[in-house]
Amino acid sequence: MVVINGVTEVDITSVAQCEELFEKGLSGRKTRKTKMNDESSRSHLVFSLIIDSTNVNTTVRTIGKLSFVDLAGSEKNSKTGVDKQGMEEANAINTSLSALGNVIAALSEGAKFVPYRNHVLTKLMKDSLGGTAKTLMFVNASPSIYNEAETKNSLDYATRVKKIKN
C-alpha cells in the first residue's frame, strides 16, 4: 500500500465513526462559486479505509484497502468566470487530471512504464489503479447542452479508465 508521511490513521469500530471522520475530511475541502457551479470543488478528496479482518475459524488474516476518490472537475476558465486565484486552482486541477490521464493511458495500453511519479495525485492513487486493484469510476454528467463538452470529456475519461488492464 501507498504510505503517506504525516497521515493520521484512526482505528474505527462503527459506521458512525467512519461517517464522522468522512465529514471532518469533507469540511476541509476547498470549494468556490463559479458561473457553472455554486460549490465547485477546487480540490480532490481521497478517503481510504483499510480493512483488517481475521477469519475466526481459520485465523487467516486479510487486509484490504478501499479508496474513495472524488476528483475536482476540469472546467474551462472562460465558462467559470473565476478570478486569478480561481484560474490558478483550475490549472493545478487540470495538471493533476492530465497526469492521472497519462497513468490511465499507460495502464490501458499495457505500457511497461507507468508514470505514477509525475504528480502527487498519481503517487497517492498508485495502489488504487495498478497491480491487483479494481477501479470503478462514476461520472457526474450534465444534461445541459451548455455543458456538452465537459460531459463528453468526463465520459471519454471514464471510457479510458474502463480499459485499464491489471
N, C-alpha and C. Protein backbone atom coordinates (compact mmCIF):
# COMPACT_ATOMS: atom_id res chain seq x y z
N MET A 1 0.83 -1.19 0.00
CA MET A 1 0.00 0.00 0.00
C MET A 1 0.87 1.25 0.00
N VAL A 2 0.33 2.30 -0.54
CA VAL A 2 1.00 3.59 -0.54
C VAL A 2 1.01 4.11 0.89
N VAL A 3 2.18 4.59 1.33
CA VAL A 3 2.31 5.15 2.67
C VAL A 3 2.57 6.64 2.54
N ILE A 4 1.84 7.44 3.31
CA ILE A 4 1.99 8.89 3.28
C ILE A 4 2.47 9.35 4.64
N ASN A 5 3.63 9.99 4.67
CA ASN A 5 4.16 10.50 5.92
C ASN A 5 3.24 11.57 6.49
N GLY A 6 3.01 11.50 7.80
CA GLY A 6 2.22 12.52 8.47
C GLY A 6 0.71 12.30 8.46
N VAL A 7 0.26 11.27 7.77
CA VAL A 7 -1.18 11.00 7.74
C VAL A 7 -1.59 10.32 9.04
N THR A 8 -2.71 10.72 9.55
CA THR A 8 -3.21 10.12 10.79
C THR A 8 -4.08 8.93 10.46
N GLU A 9 -3.78 7.80 11.06
CA GLU A 9 -4.62 6.62 10.92
C GLU A 9 -5.44 6.49 12.18
N VAL A 10 -6.72 6.21 12.02
CA VAL A 10 -7.64 6.11 13.14
C VAL A 10 -8.32 4.75 13.11
N ASP A 11 -8.26 4.03 14.21
CA ASP A 11 -8.99 2.76 14.30
C ASP A 11 -10.45 3.08 14.57
N ILE A 12 -11.33 2.49 13.77
CA ILE A 12 -12.77 2.70 13.98
C ILE A 12 -13.45 1.35 14.13
N THR A 13 -14.58 1.39 14.83
CA THR A 13 -15.32 0.15 15.06
C THR A 13 -16.79 0.27 14.69
N SER A 14 -17.17 1.45 14.14
CA SER A 14 -18.58 1.62 13.80
C SER A 14 -18.73 2.49 12.55
N VAL A 15 -19.87 2.35 11.93
CA VAL A 15 -20.20 3.17 10.76
C VAL A 15 -20.27 4.64 11.16
N ALA A 16 -20.80 4.92 12.35
CA ALA A 16 -20.91 6.29 12.82
C ALA A 16 -19.54 6.96 12.93
N GLN A 17 -18.55 6.23 13.41
CA GLN A 17 -17.20 6.79 13.49
C GLN A 17 -16.65 7.07 12.10
N CYS A 18 -16.91 6.18 11.17
CA CYS A 18 -16.47 6.36 9.79
C CYS A 18 -17.11 7.60 9.18
N GLU A 19 -18.41 7.76 9.37
CA GLU A 19 -19.12 8.92 8.84
C GLU A 19 -18.60 10.22 9.45
N GLU A 20 -18.29 10.19 10.74
CA GLU A 20 -17.76 11.37 11.42
C GLU A 20 -16.40 11.78 10.83
N LEU A 21 -15.54 10.81 10.61
CA LEU A 21 -14.24 11.10 10.01
C LEU A 21 -14.38 11.61 8.58
N PHE A 22 -15.30 11.02 7.84
CA PHE A 22 -15.53 11.46 6.46
C PHE A 22 -16.01 12.91 6.44
N GLU A 23 -16.95 13.24 7.32
CA GLU A 23 -17.46 14.62 7.39
C GLU A 23 -16.36 15.60 7.78
N LYS A 24 -15.49 15.18 8.69
CA LYS A 24 -14.36 16.03 9.09
C LYS A 24 -13.47 16.33 7.89
N GLY A 25 -13.17 15.31 7.11
CA GLY A 25 -12.37 15.50 5.91
C GLY A 25 -13.08 16.35 4.87
N LEU A 26 -14.36 16.12 4.71
CA LEU A 26 -15.15 16.87 3.74
C LEU A 26 -15.21 18.35 4.11
N SER A 27 -15.24 18.65 5.40
CA SER A 27 -15.33 20.05 5.84
C SER A 27 -14.06 20.83 5.49
N GLY A 28 -12.95 20.12 5.27
CA GLY A 28 -11.71 20.79 4.90
C GLY A 28 -11.53 20.96 3.40
N ARG A 29 -12.48 20.48 2.65
CA ARG A 29 -12.38 20.55 1.19
C ARG A 29 -12.63 21.97 0.71
N LYS A 30 -11.84 22.38 -0.24
CA LYS A 30 -11.97 23.73 -0.76
C LYS A 30 -12.97 23.76 -1.92
N THR A 31 -13.91 24.68 -1.85
CA THR A 31 -14.87 24.88 -2.93
C THR A 31 -14.90 26.36 -3.29
N ARG A 32 -15.42 26.66 -4.45
CA ARG A 32 -15.51 28.05 -4.90
C ARG A 32 -16.74 28.18 -5.79
N LYS A 33 -17.43 29.29 -5.64
CA LYS A 33 -18.58 29.56 -6.51
C LYS A 33 -18.06 30.01 -7.87
N THR A 34 -18.62 29.41 -8.92
CA THR A 34 -18.29 29.80 -10.28
C THR A 34 -19.60 30.02 -11.04
N LYS A 35 -19.49 30.48 -12.26
CA LYS A 35 -20.68 30.64 -13.09
C LYS A 35 -21.33 29.30 -13.42
N MET A 36 -20.55 28.22 -13.33
CA MET A 36 -21.05 26.90 -13.69
C MET A 36 -21.56 26.10 -12.49
N ASN A 37 -21.11 26.47 -11.28
CA ASN A 37 -21.40 25.64 -10.11
C ASN A 37 -21.29 26.48 -8.85
N ASP A 38 -22.31 26.43 -8.00
CA ASP A 38 -22.29 27.22 -6.76
C ASP A 38 -21.24 26.72 -5.77
N GLU A 39 -20.93 25.43 -5.82
CA GLU A 39 -19.92 24.87 -4.92
C GLU A 39 -18.97 23.97 -5.72
N SER A 40 -18.22 24.59 -6.59
CA SER A 40 -17.29 23.85 -7.44
C SER A 40 -16.11 23.37 -6.61
N SER A 41 -15.81 22.08 -6.70
CA SER A 41 -14.67 21.51 -5.96
C SER A 41 -13.38 22.08 -6.52
N ARG A 42 -12.57 22.62 -5.64
CA ARG A 42 -11.27 23.15 -6.04
C ARG A 42 -10.15 22.28 -5.51
N SER A 43 -10.51 21.11 -5.04
CA SER A 43 -9.52 20.15 -4.54
C SER A 43 -10.08 18.75 -4.73
N HIS A 44 -9.17 17.80 -4.78
CA HIS A 44 -9.57 16.40 -4.84
C HIS A 44 -9.78 15.91 -3.41
N LEU A 45 -10.59 14.88 -3.26
CA LEU A 45 -10.82 14.28 -1.95
C LEU A 45 -10.50 12.80 -2.04
N VAL A 46 -9.62 12.33 -1.15
CA VAL A 46 -9.27 10.91 -1.10
C VAL A 46 -9.57 10.43 0.31
N PHE A 47 -10.43 9.43 0.41
CA PHE A 47 -10.82 8.84 1.69
C PHE A 47 -10.58 7.35 1.59
N SER A 48 -9.66 6.85 2.39
CA SER A 48 -9.30 5.43 2.31
C SER A 48 -9.65 4.70 3.59
N LEU A 49 -10.16 3.50 3.41
CA LEU A 49 -10.44 2.61 4.52
C LEU A 49 -9.55 1.39 4.38
N ILE A 50 -8.80 1.10 5.42
CA ILE A 50 -8.00 -0.12 5.43
C ILE A 50 -8.78 -1.11 6.29
N ILE A 51 -9.16 -2.21 5.66
CA ILE A 51 -9.98 -3.21 6.34
C ILE A 51 -9.08 -4.38 6.70
N ASP A 52 -8.99 -4.64 8.00
CA ASP A 52 -8.13 -5.70 8.52
C ASP A 52 -9.05 -6.67 9.25
N SER A 53 -9.16 -7.87 8.71
CA SER A 53 -10.06 -8.84 9.33
C SER A 53 -9.38 -10.19 9.47
N THR A 54 -9.83 -10.94 10.46
CA THR A 54 -9.31 -12.28 10.69
C THR A 54 -10.48 -13.25 10.76
N ASN A 55 -10.38 -14.31 9.99
CA ASN A 55 -11.40 -15.35 9.99
C ASN A 55 -11.29 -16.09 11.33
N VAL A 56 -12.37 -16.08 12.12
CA VAL A 56 -12.32 -16.70 13.45
C VAL A 56 -12.16 -18.22 13.39
N ASN A 57 -12.57 -18.83 12.30
CA ASN A 57 -12.46 -20.29 12.17
C ASN A 57 -11.06 -20.73 11.72
N THR A 58 -10.50 -19.99 10.75
CA THR A 58 -9.22 -20.41 10.17
C THR A 58 -8.04 -19.57 10.67
N THR A 59 -8.32 -18.48 11.33
CA THR A 59 -7.34 -17.48 11.80
C THR A 59 -6.55 -16.84 10.65
N VAL A 60 -7.08 -16.94 9.44
CA VAL A 60 -6.43 -16.30 8.29
C VAL A 60 -6.76 -14.81 8.33
N ARG A 61 -5.70 -14.01 8.28
CA ARG A 61 -5.85 -12.56 8.32
C ARG A 61 -5.84 -12.00 6.90
N THR A 62 -6.77 -11.09 6.61
CA THR A 62 -6.86 -10.45 5.30
C THR A 62 -6.87 -8.95 5.51
N ILE A 63 -6.05 -8.26 4.73
CA ILE A 63 -6.02 -6.79 4.78
C ILE A 63 -6.29 -6.26 3.38
N GLY A 64 -7.19 -5.31 3.30
CA GLY A 64 -7.52 -4.70 2.02
C GLY A 64 -7.70 -3.21 2.19
N LYS A 65 -7.67 -2.52 1.09
CA LYS A 65 -7.83 -1.06 1.12
C LYS A 65 -8.92 -0.66 0.15
N LEU A 66 -9.82 0.16 0.62
CA LEU A 66 -10.90 0.69 -0.21
C LEU A 66 -10.74 2.20 -0.22
N SER A 67 -10.50 2.76 -1.39
CA SER A 67 -10.31 4.21 -1.51
C SER A 67 -11.44 4.83 -2.30
N PHE A 68 -11.95 5.91 -1.77
CA PHE A 68 -12.96 6.72 -2.45
C PHE A 68 -12.25 8.00 -2.88
N VAL A 69 -12.24 8.26 -4.17
CA VAL A 69 -11.54 9.43 -4.70
C VAL A 69 -12.55 10.28 -5.45
N ASP A 70 -12.77 11.49 -4.96
CA ASP A 70 -13.65 12.44 -5.65
C ASP A 70 -12.75 13.47 -6.30
N LEU A 71 -12.67 13.41 -7.62
CA LEU A 71 -11.79 14.32 -8.35
C LEU A 71 -12.49 15.65 -8.59
N ALA A 72 -11.75 16.72 -8.39
CA ALA A 72 -12.27 18.05 -8.73
C ALA A 72 -12.49 18.10 -10.23
N GLY A 73 -13.49 18.83 -10.65
CA GLY A 73 -13.83 18.88 -12.06
C GLY A 73 -12.91 19.77 -12.87
N SER A 74 -12.76 19.41 -14.11
CA SER A 74 -11.99 20.21 -15.05
C SER A 74 -12.98 21.10 -15.79
N GLU A 75 -12.89 22.39 -15.54
CA GLU A 75 -13.83 23.33 -16.15
C GLU A 75 -13.04 24.38 -16.93
N LYS A 76 -13.60 24.84 -18.00
CA LYS A 76 -12.94 25.87 -18.80
C LYS A 76 -13.03 27.21 -18.08
N ASN A 77 -11.88 27.88 -17.96
CA ASN A 77 -11.84 29.18 -17.29
C ASN A 77 -12.79 30.19 -17.94
N SER A 78 -12.94 30.11 -19.25
CA SER A 78 -13.81 31.06 -19.95
C SER A 78 -15.27 30.90 -19.56
N LYS A 79 -15.65 29.69 -19.11
CA LYS A 79 -17.04 29.44 -18.73
C LYS A 79 -17.29 29.65 -17.23
N THR A 80 -16.22 29.57 -16.43
CA THR A 80 -16.42 29.66 -14.98
C THR A 80 -16.44 31.09 -14.48
N GLY A 81 -15.74 31.99 -15.15
CA GLY A 81 -15.70 33.39 -14.73
C GLY A 81 -14.94 33.60 -13.43
N VAL A 82 -13.94 32.78 -13.16
CA VAL A 82 -13.21 32.89 -11.90
C VAL A 82 -12.11 33.95 -12.00
N ASP A 83 -11.64 34.40 -10.83
CA ASP A 83 -10.57 35.37 -10.76
C ASP A 83 -9.21 34.69 -10.95
N LYS A 84 -8.13 35.44 -10.75
CA LYS A 84 -6.78 34.91 -10.95
C LYS A 84 -6.52 33.69 -10.06
N GLN A 85 -6.92 33.76 -8.80
CA GLN A 85 -6.70 32.63 -7.88
C GLN A 85 -7.48 31.41 -8.36
N GLY A 86 -8.71 31.63 -8.82
CA GLY A 86 -9.51 30.53 -9.35
C GLY A 86 -8.89 29.90 -10.58
N MET A 87 -8.27 30.72 -11.41
CA MET A 87 -7.58 30.20 -12.60
C MET A 87 -6.37 29.36 -12.19
N GLU A 88 -5.66 29.79 -11.17
CA GLU A 88 -4.51 29.02 -10.68
C GLU A 88 -4.98 27.67 -10.14
N GLU A 89 -6.10 27.67 -9.42
CA GLU A 89 -6.67 26.41 -8.91
C GLU A 89 -7.04 25.50 -10.07
N ALA A 90 -7.71 26.08 -11.07
CA ALA A 90 -8.13 25.29 -12.24
C ALA A 90 -6.92 24.71 -12.97
N ASN A 91 -5.86 25.49 -13.10
CA ASN A 91 -4.65 24.99 -13.75
C ASN A 91 -4.05 23.84 -12.96
N ALA A 92 -4.03 23.95 -11.63
CA ALA A 92 -3.50 22.87 -10.79
C ALA A 92 -4.36 21.61 -10.93
N ILE A 93 -5.68 21.80 -10.95
CA ILE A 93 -6.60 20.67 -11.12
C ILE A 93 -6.35 20.00 -12.48
N ASN A 94 -6.27 20.81 -13.52
CA ASN A 94 -6.06 20.28 -14.86
C ASN A 94 -4.72 19.55 -14.98
N THR A 95 -3.69 20.06 -14.31
CA THR A 95 -2.38 19.41 -14.33
C THR A 95 -2.47 18.03 -13.68
N SER A 96 -3.15 17.96 -12.54
CA SER A 96 -3.27 16.67 -11.84
C SER A 96 -4.12 15.69 -12.65
N LEU A 97 -5.19 16.16 -13.25
CA LEU A 97 -6.04 15.28 -14.06
C LEU A 97 -5.32 14.81 -15.32
N SER A 98 -4.48 15.67 -15.87
CA SER A 98 -3.69 15.29 -17.03
C SER A 98 -2.69 14.19 -16.65
N ALA A 99 -2.03 14.35 -15.49
CA ALA A 99 -1.09 13.32 -15.02
C ALA A 99 -1.82 12.01 -14.77
N LEU A 100 -3.01 12.09 -14.18
CA LEU A 100 -3.80 10.88 -13.95
C LEU A 100 -4.21 10.26 -15.28
N GLY A 101 -4.57 11.10 -16.24
CA GLY A 101 -4.91 10.59 -17.57
C GLY A 101 -3.75 9.86 -18.22
N ASN A 102 -2.53 10.35 -18.01
CA ASN A 102 -1.34 9.68 -18.56
C ASN A 102 -1.14 8.32 -17.91
N VAL A 103 -1.38 8.22 -16.61
CA VAL A 103 -1.27 6.94 -15.91
C VAL A 103 -2.34 5.97 -16.43
N ILE A 104 -3.56 6.47 -16.56
CA ILE A 104 -4.65 5.64 -17.05
C ILE A 104 -4.35 5.14 -18.47
N ALA A 105 -3.82 6.03 -19.30
CA ALA A 105 -3.48 5.64 -20.68
C ALA A 105 -2.42 4.54 -20.67
N ALA A 106 -1.39 4.70 -19.84
CA ALA A 106 -0.32 3.70 -19.77
C ALA A 106 -0.86 2.35 -19.31
N LEU A 107 -1.73 2.37 -18.30
CA LEU A 107 -2.32 1.13 -17.80
C LEU A 107 -3.26 0.50 -18.83
N SER A 108 -3.97 1.33 -19.57
CA SER A 108 -4.91 0.83 -20.59
C SER A 108 -4.19 0.19 -21.76
N GLU A 109 -3.01 0.70 -22.07
CA GLU A 109 -2.25 0.23 -23.22
C GLU A 109 -1.27 -0.88 -22.84
N GLY A 110 -1.22 -1.21 -21.55
CA GLY A 110 -0.29 -2.24 -21.10
C GLY A 110 1.17 -1.80 -21.20
N ALA A 111 1.42 -0.51 -21.04
CA ALA A 111 2.78 0.02 -21.14
C ALA A 111 3.69 -0.57 -20.07
N LYS A 112 4.97 -0.69 -20.39
CA LYS A 112 5.93 -1.22 -19.42
C LYS A 112 6.22 -0.20 -18.33
N PHE A 113 6.15 1.09 -18.66
CA PHE A 113 6.39 2.16 -17.70
C PHE A 113 5.10 2.93 -17.46
N VAL A 114 4.74 3.08 -16.21
CA VAL A 114 3.55 3.84 -15.84
C VAL A 114 4.03 5.06 -15.03
N PRO A 115 3.72 6.28 -15.47
CA PRO A 115 4.27 7.48 -14.85
C PRO A 115 3.58 7.92 -13.54
N TYR A 116 3.58 7.04 -12.55
CA TYR A 116 2.95 7.36 -11.27
C TYR A 116 3.63 8.55 -10.58
N ARG A 117 4.93 8.70 -10.77
CA ARG A 117 5.69 9.72 -10.03
C ARG A 117 5.54 11.13 -10.60
N ASN A 118 4.76 11.30 -11.64
CA ASN A 118 4.65 12.61 -12.26
C ASN A 118 3.78 13.60 -11.49
N HIS A 119 3.03 13.12 -10.50
CA HIS A 119 2.18 14.03 -9.72
C HIS A 119 1.85 13.39 -8.38
N VAL A 120 1.61 14.23 -7.39
CA VAL A 120 1.24 13.74 -6.06
C VAL A 120 -0.03 12.88 -6.13
N LEU A 121 -1.01 13.31 -6.92
CA LEU A 121 -2.26 12.56 -7.03
C LEU A 121 -2.02 11.15 -7.55
N THR A 122 -1.20 11.01 -8.58
CA THR A 122 -0.97 9.69 -9.15
C THR A 122 -0.12 8.82 -8.23
N LYS A 123 0.78 9.43 -7.47
CA LYS A 123 1.52 8.67 -6.46
C LYS A 123 0.55 8.12 -5.43
N LEU A 124 -0.36 8.97 -4.99
CA LEU A 124 -1.33 8.61 -3.97
C LEU A 124 -2.28 7.50 -4.45
N MET A 125 -2.64 7.54 -5.72
CA MET A 125 -3.61 6.59 -6.26
C MET A 125 -2.99 5.32 -6.84
N LYS A 126 -1.67 5.20 -6.76
CA LYS A 126 -0.97 4.07 -7.39
C LYS A 126 -1.58 2.73 -7.01
N ASP A 127 -1.80 2.50 -5.72
CA ASP A 127 -2.31 1.19 -5.31
C ASP A 127 -3.82 1.05 -5.55
N SER A 128 -4.45 2.10 -6.04
CA SER A 128 -5.87 2.03 -6.39
C SER A 128 -6.08 1.81 -7.89
N LEU A 129 -5.00 1.87 -8.64
CA LEU A 129 -5.10 1.76 -10.10
C LEU A 129 -4.38 0.54 -10.66
N GLY A 130 -3.18 0.28 -10.19
CA GLY A 130 -2.36 -0.78 -10.77
C GLY A 130 -2.40 -2.05 -9.94
N GLY A 131 -1.58 -2.99 -10.35
CA GLY A 131 -1.45 -4.25 -9.61
C GLY A 131 -2.73 -5.06 -9.65
N THR A 132 -3.24 -5.40 -8.48
CA THR A 132 -4.46 -6.22 -8.40
C THR A 132 -5.69 -5.38 -8.08
N ALA A 133 -5.56 -4.06 -8.17
CA ALA A 133 -6.67 -3.16 -7.83
C ALA A 133 -7.83 -3.30 -8.81
N LYS A 134 -9.00 -3.08 -8.30
CA LYS A 134 -10.21 -2.97 -9.12
C LYS A 134 -10.63 -1.50 -9.07
N THR A 135 -10.88 -0.92 -10.22
CA THR A 135 -11.21 0.50 -10.28
C THR A 135 -12.60 0.68 -10.87
N LEU A 136 -13.41 1.48 -10.19
CA LEU A 136 -14.75 1.80 -10.64
C LEU A 136 -14.88 3.31 -10.66
N MET A 137 -15.38 3.87 -11.75
CA MET A 137 -15.49 5.32 -11.85
C MET A 137 -16.94 5.71 -12.11
N PHE A 138 -17.41 6.67 -11.32
CA PHE A 138 -18.72 7.27 -11.52
C PHE A 138 -18.52 8.64 -12.13
N VAL A 139 -19.36 9.01 -13.07
CA VAL A 139 -19.24 10.31 -13.72
C VAL A 139 -20.51 11.11 -13.46
N ASN A 140 -20.33 12.35 -13.01
CA ASN A 140 -21.45 13.28 -12.91
C ASN A 140 -21.58 13.95 -14.26
N ALA A 141 -22.67 13.67 -14.94
CA ALA A 141 -22.87 14.20 -16.28
C ALA A 141 -24.02 15.20 -16.27
N SER A 142 -23.82 16.30 -16.96
CA SER A 142 -24.85 17.33 -17.04
C SER A 142 -25.74 17.09 -18.25
N PRO A 143 -27.05 17.24 -18.09
CA PRO A 143 -27.95 17.09 -19.24
C PRO A 143 -28.01 18.35 -20.12
N SER A 144 -27.36 19.42 -19.66
CA SER A 144 -27.41 20.69 -20.38
C SER A 144 -26.50 20.68 -21.60
N ILE A 145 -27.00 21.20 -22.72
CA ILE A 145 -26.19 21.31 -23.93
C ILE A 145 -25.02 22.26 -23.69
N TYR A 146 -25.19 23.20 -22.77
CA TYR A 146 -24.13 24.16 -22.42
C TYR A 146 -22.91 23.44 -21.86
N ASN A 147 -23.13 22.32 -21.21
CA ASN A 147 -22.04 21.56 -20.59
C ASN A 147 -21.64 20.32 -21.41
N GLU A 148 -22.04 20.29 -22.66
CA GLU A 148 -21.80 19.12 -23.50
C GLU A 148 -20.32 18.75 -23.57
N ALA A 149 -19.46 19.73 -23.77
CA ALA A 149 -18.02 19.44 -23.91
C ALA A 149 -17.45 18.83 -22.63
N GLU A 150 -17.82 19.39 -21.48
CA GLU A 150 -17.33 18.87 -20.20
C GLU A 150 -17.85 17.46 -19.95
N THR A 151 -19.12 17.22 -20.26
CA THR A 151 -19.71 15.89 -20.07
C THR A 151 -19.03 14.88 -20.98
N LYS A 152 -18.81 15.25 -22.24
CA LYS A 152 -18.13 14.35 -23.18
C LYS A 152 -16.72 14.04 -22.69
N ASN A 153 -15.98 15.05 -22.24
CA ASN A 153 -14.62 14.81 -21.73
C ASN A 153 -14.63 13.85 -20.55
N SER A 154 -15.61 14.03 -19.64
CA SER A 154 -15.70 13.15 -18.47
C SER A 154 -16.02 11.72 -18.88
N LEU A 155 -16.91 11.55 -19.84
CA LEU A 155 -17.26 10.21 -20.31
C LEU A 155 -16.09 9.56 -21.06
N ASP A 156 -15.34 10.36 -21.83
CA ASP A 156 -14.15 9.83 -22.50
C ASP A 156 -13.12 9.37 -21.48
N TYR A 157 -12.96 10.14 -20.42
CA TYR A 157 -12.03 9.81 -19.33
C TYR A 157 -12.43 8.47 -18.71
N ALA A 158 -13.72 8.34 -18.42
CA ALA A 158 -14.22 7.10 -17.81
C ALA A 158 -14.05 5.91 -18.74
N THR A 159 -14.20 6.13 -20.03
CA THR A 159 -14.01 5.06 -21.01
C THR A 159 -12.57 4.55 -20.96
N ARG A 160 -11.62 5.48 -20.80
CA ARG A 160 -10.22 5.06 -20.68
C ARG A 160 -9.98 4.30 -19.39
N VAL A 161 -10.63 4.72 -18.30
CA VAL A 161 -10.48 4.00 -17.02
C VAL A 161 -10.99 2.58 -17.17
N LYS A 162 -12.07 2.42 -17.91
CA LYS A 162 -12.67 1.10 -18.11
C LYS A 162 -11.70 0.14 -18.81
N LYS A 163 -10.76 0.68 -19.57
CA LYS A 163 -9.84 -0.15 -20.35
C LYS A 163 -8.56 -0.52 -19.59
N ILE A 164 -8.47 -0.10 -18.31
CA ILE A 164 -7.26 -0.43 -17.53
C ILE A 164 -7.10 -1.94 -17.44
N LYS A 165 -5.87 -2.40 -17.71
CA LYS A 165 -5.56 -3.82 -17.64
C LYS A 165 -4.58 -4.04 -16.48
N ASN A 166 -4.94 -4.84 -15.52
CA ASN A 166 -4.07 -5.17 -14.38
C ASN A 166 -3.64 -6.62 -14.45
